[in-house]
Amino acid sequence: MLNALITAGGLSDRCNDHKIMSTRSQANGQPRAILPICYQQIVQLGDVSANYQLMPGDRIYVPSMTLWEDIKRGVAMGNEKSCPHC
């Protein structure tokens, strides 16, 4: 996943790198599997457990930050984590 994100031009400063996810097709018409990608854990800590192997048909979704998330990012708010996976 990390290579795909880098190949696509990397992440913008407006993206929410705590809510990146991938969806993967399942067999027999099952709903797509959702795979959370913790970008910070991969890049800063070297934890590759969320750096999934990209498969044909996978989709990567990189959302933009909301105004509130942008404000929280700019102002330290104690020990609150903005990513449930970090």
PDB file of N, CA and C in Angstrom:
ATOM      1  N   MET A   1       0.818  -1.185   0.000  1.00  0.00           N
ATOM      2  CA  MET A   1       0.000   0.000   0.000  1.00  0.00           C
ATOM      3  C   MET A   1       0.870   1.260   0.000  1.00  0.00           C
ATOM      4  N   LEU A   2       1.927   1.237   0.791  1.00  0.00           N
ATOM      5  CA  LEU A   2       2.793   2.415   0.869  1.00  0.00           C
ATOM      6  C   LEU A   2       3.384   2.748  -0.497  1.00  0.00           C
ATOM      7  N   ASN A   3       3.824   1.744  -1.225  1.00  0.00           N
ATOM      8  CA  ASN A   3       4.370   1.991  -2.565  1.00  0.00           C
ATOM      9  C   ASN A   3       3.324   2.594  -3.492  1.00  0.00           C
ATOM     10  N   ALA A   4       2.076   2.133  -3.396  1.00  0.00           N
ATOM     11  CA  ALA A   4       1.003   2.684  -4.232  1.00  0.00           C
ATOM     12  C   ALA A   4       0.752   4.148  -3.891  1.00  0.00           C
ATOM     13  N   LEU A   5       0.755   4.489  -2.610  1.00  0.00           N
ATOM     14  CA  LEU A   5       0.544   5.877  -2.201  1.00  0.00           C
ATOM     15  C   LEU A   5       1.679   6.772  -2.698  1.00  0.00           C
ATOM     16  N   ILE A   6       2.903   6.276  -2.607  1.00  0.00           N
ATOM     17  CA  ILE A   6       4.060   7.052  -3.070  1.00  0.00           C
ATOM     18  C   ILE A   6       4.017   7.208  -4.591  1.00  0.00           C
ATOM     19  N   THR A   7       3.679   6.131  -5.306  1.00  0.00           N
ATOM     20  CA  THR A   7       3.594   6.173  -6.765  1.00  0.00           C
ATOM     21  C   THR A   7       2.517   7.162  -7.230  1.00  0.00           C
ATOM     22  N   ALA A   8       1.448   7.287  -6.444  1.00  0.00           N
ATOM     23  CA  ALA A   8       0.359   8.206  -6.787  1.00  0.00           C
ATOM     24  C   ALA A   8       0.718   9.660  -6.494  1.00  0.00           C
ATOM     25  N   GLY A   9       1.894   9.907  -5.962  1.00  0.00           N
ATOM     26  CA  GLY A   9       2.313  11.282  -5.694  1.00  0.00           C
ATOM     27  C   GLY A   9       2.401  11.617  -4.225  1.00  0.00           C
ATOM     28  N   GLY A  10       2.215  10.638  -3.363  1.00  0.00           N
ATOM     29  CA  GLY A  10       2.302  10.888  -1.926  1.00  0.00           C
ATOM     30  C   GLY A  10       1.021  11.492  -1.381  1.00  0.00           C
ATOM     31  N   LEU A  11       1.071  11.887  -0.132  1.00  0.00           N
ATOM     32  CA  LEU A  11      -0.091  12.461   0.536  1.00  0.00           C
ATOM     33  C   LEU A  11       0.009  13.973   0.567  1.00  0.00           C
ATOM     34  N   SER A  12      -1.124  14.636   0.417  1.00  0.00           N
ATOM     35  CA  SER A  12      -1.134  16.094   0.508  1.00  0.00           C
ATOM     36  C   SER A  12      -1.189  16.507   1.975  1.00  0.00           C
ATOM     37  N   ASP A  13      -0.945  17.771   2.235  1.00  0.00           N
ATOM     38  CA  ASP A  13      -1.005  18.254   3.614  1.00  0.00           C
ATOM     39  C   ASP A  13      -2.444  18.376   4.111  1.00  0.00           C
ATOM     40  N   ARG A  14      -3.421  18.227   3.238  1.00  0.00           N
ATOM     41  CA  ARG A  14      -4.838  18.299   3.603  1.00  0.00           C
ATOM     42  C   ARG A  14      -5.462  16.923   3.807  1.00  0.00           C
ATOM     43  N   CYS A  15      -4.694  15.856   3.610  1.00  0.00           N
ATOM     44  CA  CYS A  15      -5.272  14.524   3.766  1.00  0.00           C
ATOM     45  C   CYS A  15      -5.318  14.145   5.245  1.00  0.00           C
ATOM     46  N   ASN A  16      -6.210  13.250   5.565  1.00  0.00           N
ATOM     47  CA  ASN A  16      -6.296  12.720   6.924  1.00  0.00           C
ATOM     48  C   ASN A  16      -5.582  11.378   6.917  1.00  0.00           C
ATOM     49  N   ASP A  17      -4.292  11.392   7.262  1.00  0.00           N
ATOM     50  CA  ASP A  17      -3.490  10.173   7.179  1.00  0.00           C
ATOM     51  C   ASP A  17      -3.819   9.172   8.280  1.00  0.00           C
ATOM     52  N   HIS A  18      -4.768   9.510   9.157  1.00  0.00           N
ATOM     53  CA  HIS A  18      -5.224   8.587  10.199  1.00  0.00           C
ATOM     54  C   HIS A  18      -6.472   7.808   9.782  1.00  0.00           C
ATOM     55  N   LYS A  19      -7.031   8.138   8.619  1.00  0.00           N
ATOM     56  CA  LYS A  19      -8.257   7.463   8.180  1.00  0.00           C
ATOM     57  C   LYS A  19      -8.134   6.868   6.786  1.00  0.00           C
ATOM     58  N   ILE A  20      -6.907   6.569   6.376  1.00  0.00           N
ATOM     59  CA  ILE A  20      -6.700   5.930   5.083  1.00  0.00           C
ATOM     60  C   ILE A  20      -7.197   4.493   5.183  1.00  0.00           C
ATOM     61  N   MET A  21      -7.863   4.036   4.144  1.00  0.00           N
ATOM     62  CA  MET A  21      -8.327   2.655   4.143  1.00  0.00           C
ATOM     63  C   MET A  21      -8.277   2.097   2.728  1.00  0.00           C
ATOM     64  N   SER A  22      -8.308   0.794   2.675  1.00  0.00           N
ATOM     65  CA  SER A  22      -8.367   0.095   1.404  1.00  0.00           C
ATOM     66  C   SER A  22      -9.567  -0.834   1.454  1.00  0.00           C
ATOM     67  N   THR A  23     -10.173  -1.057   0.303  1.00  0.00           N
ATOM     68  CA  THR A  23     -11.238  -2.053   0.227  1.00  0.00           C
ATOM     69  C   THR A  23     -10.799  -3.121  -0.755  1.00  0.00           C
ATOM     70  N   ARG A  24     -11.210  -4.341  -0.463  1.00  0.00           N
ATOM     71  CA  ARG A  24     -10.792  -5.493  -1.262  1.00  0.00           C
ATOM     72  C   ARG A  24     -12.006  -6.345  -1.603  1.00  0.00           C
ATOM     73  N   SER A  25     -12.100  -6.755  -2.875  1.00  0.00           N
ATOM     74  CA  SER A  25     -13.183  -7.638  -3.311  1.00  0.00           C
ATOM     75  C   SER A  25     -13.091  -8.974  -2.595  1.00  0.00           C
ATOM     76  N   GLN A  26     -14.260  -9.556  -2.338  1.00  0.00           N
ATOM     77  CA  GLN A  26     -14.336 -10.871  -1.705  1.00  0.00           C
ATOM     78  C   GLN A  26     -14.992 -11.851  -2.670  1.00  0.00           C
ATOM     79  N   ALA A  27     -14.781 -13.106  -2.427  1.00  0.00           N
ATOM     80  CA  ALA A  27     -15.360 -14.148  -3.274  1.00  0.00           C
ATOM     81  C   ALA A  27     -16.857 -14.297  -3.013  1.00  0.00           C
ATOM     82  N   ASN A  28     -17.550 -14.878  -3.952  1.00  0.00           N
ATOM     83  CA  ASN A  28     -18.964 -15.240  -3.825  1.00  0.00           C
ATOM     84  C   ASN A  28     -19.880 -14.054  -3.535  1.00  0.00           C
ATOM     85  N   GLY A  29     -19.571 -12.876  -4.055  1.00  0.00           N
ATOM     86  CA  GLY A  29     -20.453 -11.738  -3.891  1.00  0.00           C
ATOM     87  C   GLY A  29     -20.509 -11.154  -2.497  1.00  0.00           C
ATOM     88  N   GLN A  30     -19.574 -11.503  -1.647  1.00  0.00           N
ATOM     89  CA  GLN A  30     -19.521 -10.935  -0.295  1.00  0.00           C
ATOM     90  C   GLN A  30     -19.185  -9.444  -0.379  1.00  0.00           C
ATOM     91  N   PRO A  31     -19.576  -8.660   0.629  1.00  0.00           N
ATOM     92  CA  PRO A  31     -19.212  -7.243   0.632  1.00  0.00           C
ATOM     93  C   PRO A  31     -17.692  -7.070   0.628  1.00  0.00           C
ATOM     94  N   ARG A  32     -17.232  -5.954   0.116  1.00  0.00           N
ATOM     95  CA  ARG A  32     -15.795  -5.672   0.077  1.00  0.00           C
ATOM     96  C   ARG A  32     -15.238  -5.621   1.500  1.00  0.00           C
ATOM     97  N   ALA A  33     -14.055  -6.172   1.691  1.00  0.00           N
ATOM     98  CA  ALA A  33     -13.382  -6.121   2.991  1.00  0.00           C
ATOM     99  C   ALA A  33     -12.746  -4.744   3.146  1.00  0.00           C
ATOM    100  N   ILE A  34     -12.833  -4.179   4.333  1.00  0.00           N
ATOM    101  CA  ILE A  34     -12.239  -2.876   4.624  1.00  0.00           C
ATOM    102  C   ILE A  34     -10.966  -3.100   5.427  1.00  0.00           C
ATOM    103  N   LEU A  35      -9.858  -2.565   4.925  1.00  0.00           N
ATOM    104  CA  LEU A  35      -8.555  -2.722   5.558  1.00  0.00           C
ATOM    105  C   LEU A  35      -8.045  -1.353   5.997  1.00  0.00           C
ATOM    106  N   PRO A  36      -8.042  -1.036   7.299  1.00  0.00           N
ATOM    107  CA  PRO A  36      -7.513   0.256   7.746  1.00  0.00           C
ATOM    108  C   PRO A  36      -6.000   0.299   7.562  1.00  0.00           C
ATOM    109  N   ILE A  37      -5.495   1.432   7.118  1.00  0.00           N
ATOM    110  CA  ILE A  37      -4.062   1.609   6.893  1.00  0.00           C
ATOM    111  C   ILE A  37      -3.578   2.714   7.817  1.00  0.00           C
ATOM    112  N   CYS A  38      -2.759   2.376   8.783  1.00  0.00           N
ATOM    113  CA  CYS A  38      -2.218   3.389   9.690  1.00  0.00           C
ATOM    114  C   CYS A  38      -0.888   3.881   9.123  1.00  0.00           C
ATOM    115  N   TYR A  39      -0.972   4.927   8.345  1.00  0.00           N
ATOM    116  CA  TYR A  39       0.181   5.477   7.636  1.00  0.00           C
ATOM    117  C   TYR A  39       1.313   5.847   8.600  1.00  0.00           C
ATOM    118  N   GLN A  40       0.973   6.480   9.708  1.00  0.00           N
ATOM    119  CA  GLN A  40       2.000   6.909  10.664  1.00  0.00           C
ATOM    120  C   GLN A  40       2.749   5.721  11.256  1.00  0.00           C
ATOM    121  N   GLN A  41       2.049   4.644  11.556  1.00  0.00           N
ATOM    122  CA  GLN A  41       2.724   3.455  12.089  1.00  0.00           C
ATOM    123  C   GLN A  41       3.672   2.855  11.061  1.00  0.00           C
ATOM    124  N   ILE A  42       3.280   2.859   9.817  1.00  0.00           N
ATOM    125  CA  ILE A  42       4.126   2.298   8.764  1.00  0.00           C
ATOM    126  C   ILE A  42       5.366   3.157   8.572  1.00  0.00           C
ATOM    127  N   VAL A  43       5.160   4.465   8.412  1.00  0.00           N
ATOM    128  CA  VAL A  43       6.261   5.364   8.062  1.00  0.00           C
ATOM    129  C   VAL A  43       7.163   5.673   9.257  1.00  0.00           C
ATOM    130  N   GLN A  44       6.577   6.018  10.394  1.00  0.00           N
ATOM    131  CA  GLN A  44       7.382   6.460  11.535  1.00  0.00           C
ATOM    132  C   GLN A  44       7.907   5.309  12.387  1.00  0.00           C
ATOM    133  N   LEU A  45       7.121   4.247  12.535  1.00  0.00           N
ATOM    134  CA  LEU A  45       7.519   3.159  13.420  1.00  0.00           C
ATOM    135  C   LEU A  45       8.019   1.923  12.681  1.00  0.00           C
ATOM    136  N   GLY A  46       7.839   1.895  11.372  1.00  0.00           N
ATOM    137  CA  GLY A  46       8.264   0.738  10.599  1.00  0.00           C
ATOM    138  C   GLY A  46       7.388  -0.486  10.802  1.00  0.00           C
ATOM    139  N   ASP A  47       6.178  -0.282  11.335  1.00  0.00           N
ATOM    140  CA  ASP A  47       5.237  -1.382  11.561  1.00  0.00           C
ATOM    141  C   ASP A  47       4.542  -1.704  10.241  1.00  0.00           C
ATOM    142  N   VAL A  48       4.882  -2.830   9.657  1.00  0.00           N
ATOM    143  CA  VAL A  48       4.339  -3.170   8.344  1.00  0.00           C
ATOM    144  C   VAL A  48       3.060  -4.002   8.424  1.00  0.00           C
ATOM    145  N   SER A  49       2.497  -4.192   9.603  1.00  0.00           N
ATOM    146  CA  SER A  49       1.293  -5.018   9.730  1.00  0.00           C
ATOM    147  C   SER A  49       0.097  -4.427   8.978  1.00  0.00           C
ATOM    148  N   ALA A  50       0.073  -3.114   8.766  1.00  0.00           N
ATOM    149  CA  ALA A  50      -1.022  -2.483   8.020  1.00  0.00           C
ATOM    150  C   ALA A  50      -0.586  -2.080   6.612  1.00  0.00           C
ATOM    151  N   ASN A  51       0.602  -2.488   6.203  1.00  0.00           N
ATOM    152  CA  ASN A  51       1.089  -2.197   4.857  1.00  0.00           C
ATOM    153  C   ASN A  51       0.779  -3.405   3.981  1.00  0.00           C
ATOM    154  N   TYR A  52      -0.503  -3.580   3.684  1.00  0.00           N
ATOM    155  CA  TYR A  52      -1.003  -4.759   2.987  1.00  0.00           C
ATOM    156  C   TYR A  52      -0.453  -4.865   1.572  1.00  0.00           C
ATOM    157  N   GLN A  53      -0.349  -6.098   1.094  1.00  0.00           N
ATOM    158  CA  GLN A  53       0.016  -6.353  -0.299  1.00  0.00           C
ATOM    159  C   GLN A  53      -1.151  -5.921  -1.178  1.00  0.00           C
ATOM    160  N   LEU A  54      -0.898  -5.071  -2.137  1.00  0.00           N
ATOM    161  CA  LEU A  54      -1.936  -4.598  -3.035  1.00  0.00           C
ATOM    162  C   LEU A  54      -2.320  -5.719  -3.997  1.00  0.00           C
ATOM    163  N   MET A  55      -3.618  -5.966  -4.109  1.00  0.00           N
ATOM    164  CA  MET A  55      -4.140  -7.033  -4.962  1.00  0.00           C
ATOM    165  C   MET A  55      -4.967  -6.409  -6.090  1.00  0.00           C
ATOM    166  N   PRO A  56      -5.138  -7.126  -7.219  1.00  0.00           N
ATOM    167  CA  PRO A  56      -5.975  -6.602  -8.298  1.00  0.00           C
ATOM    168  C   PRO A  56      -7.386  -6.281  -7.780  1.00  0.00           C
ATOM    169  N   GLY A  57      -7.890  -5.115  -8.130  1.00  0.00           N
ATOM    170  CA  GLY A  57      -9.224  -4.712  -7.711  1.00  0.00           C
ATOM    171  C   GLY A  57      -9.269  -3.958  -6.399  1.00  0.00           C
ATOM    172  N   ASP A  58      -8.144  -3.876  -5.671  1.00  0.00           N
ATOM    173  CA  ASP A  58      -8.119  -3.115  -4.420  1.00  0.00           C
ATOM    174  C   ASP A  58      -8.307  -1.634  -4.713  1.00  0.00           C
ATOM    175  N   ARG A  59      -8.943  -0.956  -3.795  1.00  0.00           N
ATOM    176  CA  ARG A  59      -9.133   0.494  -3.895  1.00  0.00           C
ATOM    177  C   ARG A  59      -8.589   1.130  -2.629  1.00  0.00           C
ATOM    178  N   ILE A  60      -7.858   2.226  -2.785  1.00  0.00           N
ATOM    179  CA  ILE A  60      -7.311   2.955  -1.639  1.00  0.00           C
ATOM    180  C   ILE A  60      -8.063   4.273  -1.545  1.00  0.00           C
ATOM    181  N   TYR A  61      -8.542   4.579  -0.338  1.00  0.00           N
ATOM    182  CA  TYR A  61      -9.292   5.812  -0.095  1.00  0.00           C
ATOM    183  C   TYR A  61      -8.502   6.671   0.888  1.00  0.00           C
ATOM    184  N   VAL A  62      -8.153   7.884   0.462  1.00  0.00           N
ATOM    185  CA  VAL A  62      -7.430   8.834   1.310  1.00  0.00           C
ATOM    186  C   VAL A  62      -8.335  10.052   1.499  1.00  0.00           C
ATOM    187  N   PRO A  63      -9.010  10.160   2.652  1.00  0.00           N
ATOM    188  CA  PRO A  63      -9.949  11.273   2.847  1.00  0.00           C
ATOM    189  C   PRO A  63      -9.228  12.580   3.194  1.00  0.00           C
ATOM    190  N   SER A  64      -9.908  13.667   2.953  1.00  0.00           N
ATOM    191  CA  SER A  64      -9.420  14.978   3.378  1.00  0.00           C
ATOM    192  C   SER A  64      -9.799  15.190   4.833  1.00  0.00           C
ATOM    193  N   MET A  65      -9.064  16.073   5.493  1.00  0.00           N
ATOM    194  CA  MET A  65      -9.398  16.417   6.873  1.00  0.00           C
ATOM    195  C   MET A  65     -10.618  17.325   6.896  1.00  0.00           C
ATOM    196  N   THR A  66     -11.433  17.148   7.920  1.00  0.00           N
ATOM    197  CA  THR A  66     -12.519  18.090   8.147  1.00  0.00           C
ATOM    198  C   THR A  66     -11.918  19.333   8.802  1.00  0.00           C
ATOM    199  N   LEU A  67     -12.675  20.388   8.863  1.00  0.00           N
ATOM    200  CA  LEU A  67     -12.200  21.607   9.503  1.00  0.00           C
ATOM    201  C   LEU A  67     -11.813  21.336  10.958  1.00  0.00           C
ATOM    202  N   TRP A  68     -12.640  20.583  11.676  1.00  0.00           N
ATOM    203  CA  TRP A  68     -12.356  20.279  13.081  1.00  0.00           C
ATOM    204  C   TRP A  68     -11.064  19.463  13.218  1.00  0.00           C
ATOM    205  N   GLU A  69     -10.857  18.486  12.348  1.00  0.00           N
ATOM    206  CA  GLU A  69      -9.632  17.682  12.398  1.00  0.00           C
ATOM    207  C   GLU A  69      -8.401  18.546  12.119  1.00  0.00           C
ATOM    208  N   ASP A  70      -8.540  19.501  11.199  1.00  0.00           N
ATOM    209  CA  ASP A  70      -7.442  20.410  10.887  1.00  0.00           C
ATOM    210  C   ASP A  70      -7.108  21.283  12.094  1.00  0.00           C
ATOM    211  N   ILE A  71      -8.138  21.765  12.791  1.00  0.00           N
ATOM    212  CA  ILE A  71      -7.910  22.584  13.991  1.00  0.00           C
ATOM    213  C   ILE A  71      -7.239  21.757  15.078  1.00  0.00           C
ATOM    214  N   LYS A  72      -7.729  20.535  15.301  1.00  0.00           N
ATOM    215  CA  LYS A  72      -7.138  19.652  16.310  1.00  0.00           C
ATOM    216  C   LYS A  72      -5.680  19.344  15.997  1.00  0.00           C
ATOM    217  N   ARG A  73      -5.382  19.202  14.719  1.00  0.00           N
ATOM    218  CA  ARG A  73      -4.009  18.908  14.305  1.00  0.00           C
ATOM    219  C   ARG A  73      -3.081  20.076  14.630  1.00  0.00           C
ATOM    220  N   GLY A  74      -3.596  21.294  14.494  1.00  0.00           N
ATOM    221  CA  GLY A  74      -2.790  22.490  14.738  1.00  0.00           C
ATOM    222  C   GLY A  74      -2.638  22.839  16.202  1.00  0.00           C
ATOM    223  N   VAL A  75      -3.532  22.322  17.043  1.00  0.00           N
ATOM    224  CA  VAL A  75      -3.507  22.639  18.471  1.00  0.00           C
ATOM    225  C   VAL A  75      -3.356  21.337  19.244  1.00  0.00           C
ATOM    226  N   ALA A  76      -2.320  21.225  20.033  1.00  0.00           N
ATOM    227  CA  ALA A  76      -2.132  20.014  20.851  1.00  0.00           C
ATOM    228  C   ALA A  76      -3.244  19.933  21.881  1.00  0.00           C
ATOM    229  N   MET A  77      -3.884  18.760  21.964  1.00  0.00           N
ATOM    230  CA  MET A  77      -4.991  18.586  22.898  1.00  0.00           C
ATOM    231  C   MET A  77      -4.689  17.432  23.843  1.00  0.00           C
ATOM    232  N   GLY A  78      -3.699  17.604  24.694  1.00  0.00           N
ATOM    233  CA  GLY A  78      -3.364  16.572  25.669  1.00  0.00           C
ATOM    234  C   GLY A  78      -2.821  15.331  25.002  1.00  0.00           C
ATOM    235  N   ASN A  79      -3.212  14.181  25.497  1.00  0.00           N
ATOM    236  CA  ASN A  79      -2.747  12.908  24.959  1.00  0.00           C
ATOM    237  C   ASN A  79      -3.752  12.278  24.007  1.00  0.00           C
ATOM    238  N   GLU A  80      -4.738  13.039  23.573  1.00  0.00           N
ATOM    239  CA  GLU A  80      -5.772  12.504  22.691  1.00  0.00           C
ATOM    240  C   GLU A  80      -5.170  12.087  21.356  1.00  0.00           C
ATOM    241  N   LYS A  81      -5.486  10.883  20.937  1.00  0.00           N
ATOM    242  CA  LYS A  81      -5.024  10.384  19.650  1.00  0.00           C
ATOM    243  C   LYS A  81      -6.132  10.568  18.632  1.00  0.00           C
ATOM    244  N   SER A  82      -5.774  11.000  17.436  1.00  0.00           N
ATOM    245  CA  SER A  82      -6.787  11.156  16.404  1.00  0.00           C
ATOM    246  C   SER A  82      -6.964   9.880  15.586  1.00  0.00           C
ATOM    247  N   CYS A  83      -6.109   8.905  15.807  1.00  0.00           N
ATOM    248  CA  CYS A  83      -6.181   7.641  15.057  1.00  0.00           C
ATOM    249  C   CYS A  83      -6.396   6.496  16.028  1.00  0.00           C
ATOM    250  N   PRO A  84      -7.470   5.735  15.869  1.00  0.00           N
ATOM    251  CA  PRO A  84      -7.715   4.620  16.786  1.00  0.00           C
ATOM    252  C   PRO A  84      -6.698   3.497  16.621  1.00  0.00           C
ATOM    253  N   HIS A  85      -5.941   3.506  15.536  1.00  0.00           N
ATOM    254  CA  HIS A  85      -4.992   2.425  15.261  1.00  0.00           C
ATOM    255  C   HIS A  85      -3.576   2.766  15.715  1.00  0.00           C
ATOM    256  N   CYS A  86      -3.296   4.035  15.985  1.00  0.00           N
ATOM    257  CA  CYS A  86      -1.936   4.449  16.369  1.00  0.00           C
ATOM    258  C   CYS A  86      -1.724   4.316  17.871  1.00  0.00           C
TER     259      CYS A  86
END
